[in-house]
Amino acid sequence: MSAEQERRKQQAAELAVKQIEESMIVGLGTGSTADLVTKRLAEQVAEGFDVIGVPTSRKTAELAGSLGIPLRDLQDVAHIDLTIDGADEIQPGTLFALKGAGGALLREKLVALDSSKVILVVDDTKIVDLIGNNFAVPVEVVQFGWRVPARGLGALGATIEMRLDPVTGQPFVTDNDNYVLDAAFGPIGDPNQLSRRVKEITGVIEHGLFVGVVDEVIVAGSDGTATLTPDVL
């Protein structure tokens, strides 16, 4: 990533953080863009800003905790006011999103679904006509008998790859002790239908299709930042 791209993403992250109000409970996303949000929020906390963060992964919890942001687990809060996260692909209009390249898709979705508002921060390379255009759909599955959901995904037309840990070369294990299957469907014409059909497969825990979840997307582009809201809910 160029220094200019990084600068634009930083601007978009700062714009998102401006929507955080005093005493809010805030969902903290996972990934490089979400880390920019966490770091900017930590600067405000150091100046006395009162918030509680709910991390979407162990990695985010480690970062936020090291920077002094007070943290709670999802089960320890009644509700989340605002979640800010990143995304791998965004479909304008609907704001359908594809997430999970970092492997935190289950916790990211749980936190998002418990939030009054969900904002995603991306650069303009993540905007696509149809999600699935550039990324496979991450699907979190149980370790035991993982080939069963893999066959089910294949029956839906996906090409399946087991996600591997880049260090060990062994299957990647999520924070929830599950595997991730990357299911390449190509451009997805009906994310609603695919979302339902994937969840019906025995052994599937969750998938990275975020359909009807996102309220706002802040896009960092060469001409500055733009804010997208859904045309169709």
Foldseek 3Di string as FASTA:
>chain_A
DDPVQVVLLLQLLVVVLVPDAAAFEEEQEDDDSSLSNLLVVLVVVVVPGHYEYAYLAPVSVVSNVVSPHHYDHPVVDPAGAEYEYAFQAAAAQQRWTFHQPVPSQVSVVVNLVRYPAYEYEEAPVRYDNFPLAPFFKKWWFAPVPVVQLVVQLVVVPWDKDWDADPVPRHFDAGPVRTTIIGTRRHGDPDLVVVQVSSVPRPGTDHIRTDGPRHAWYWYRYPVHIDIGGHNHD
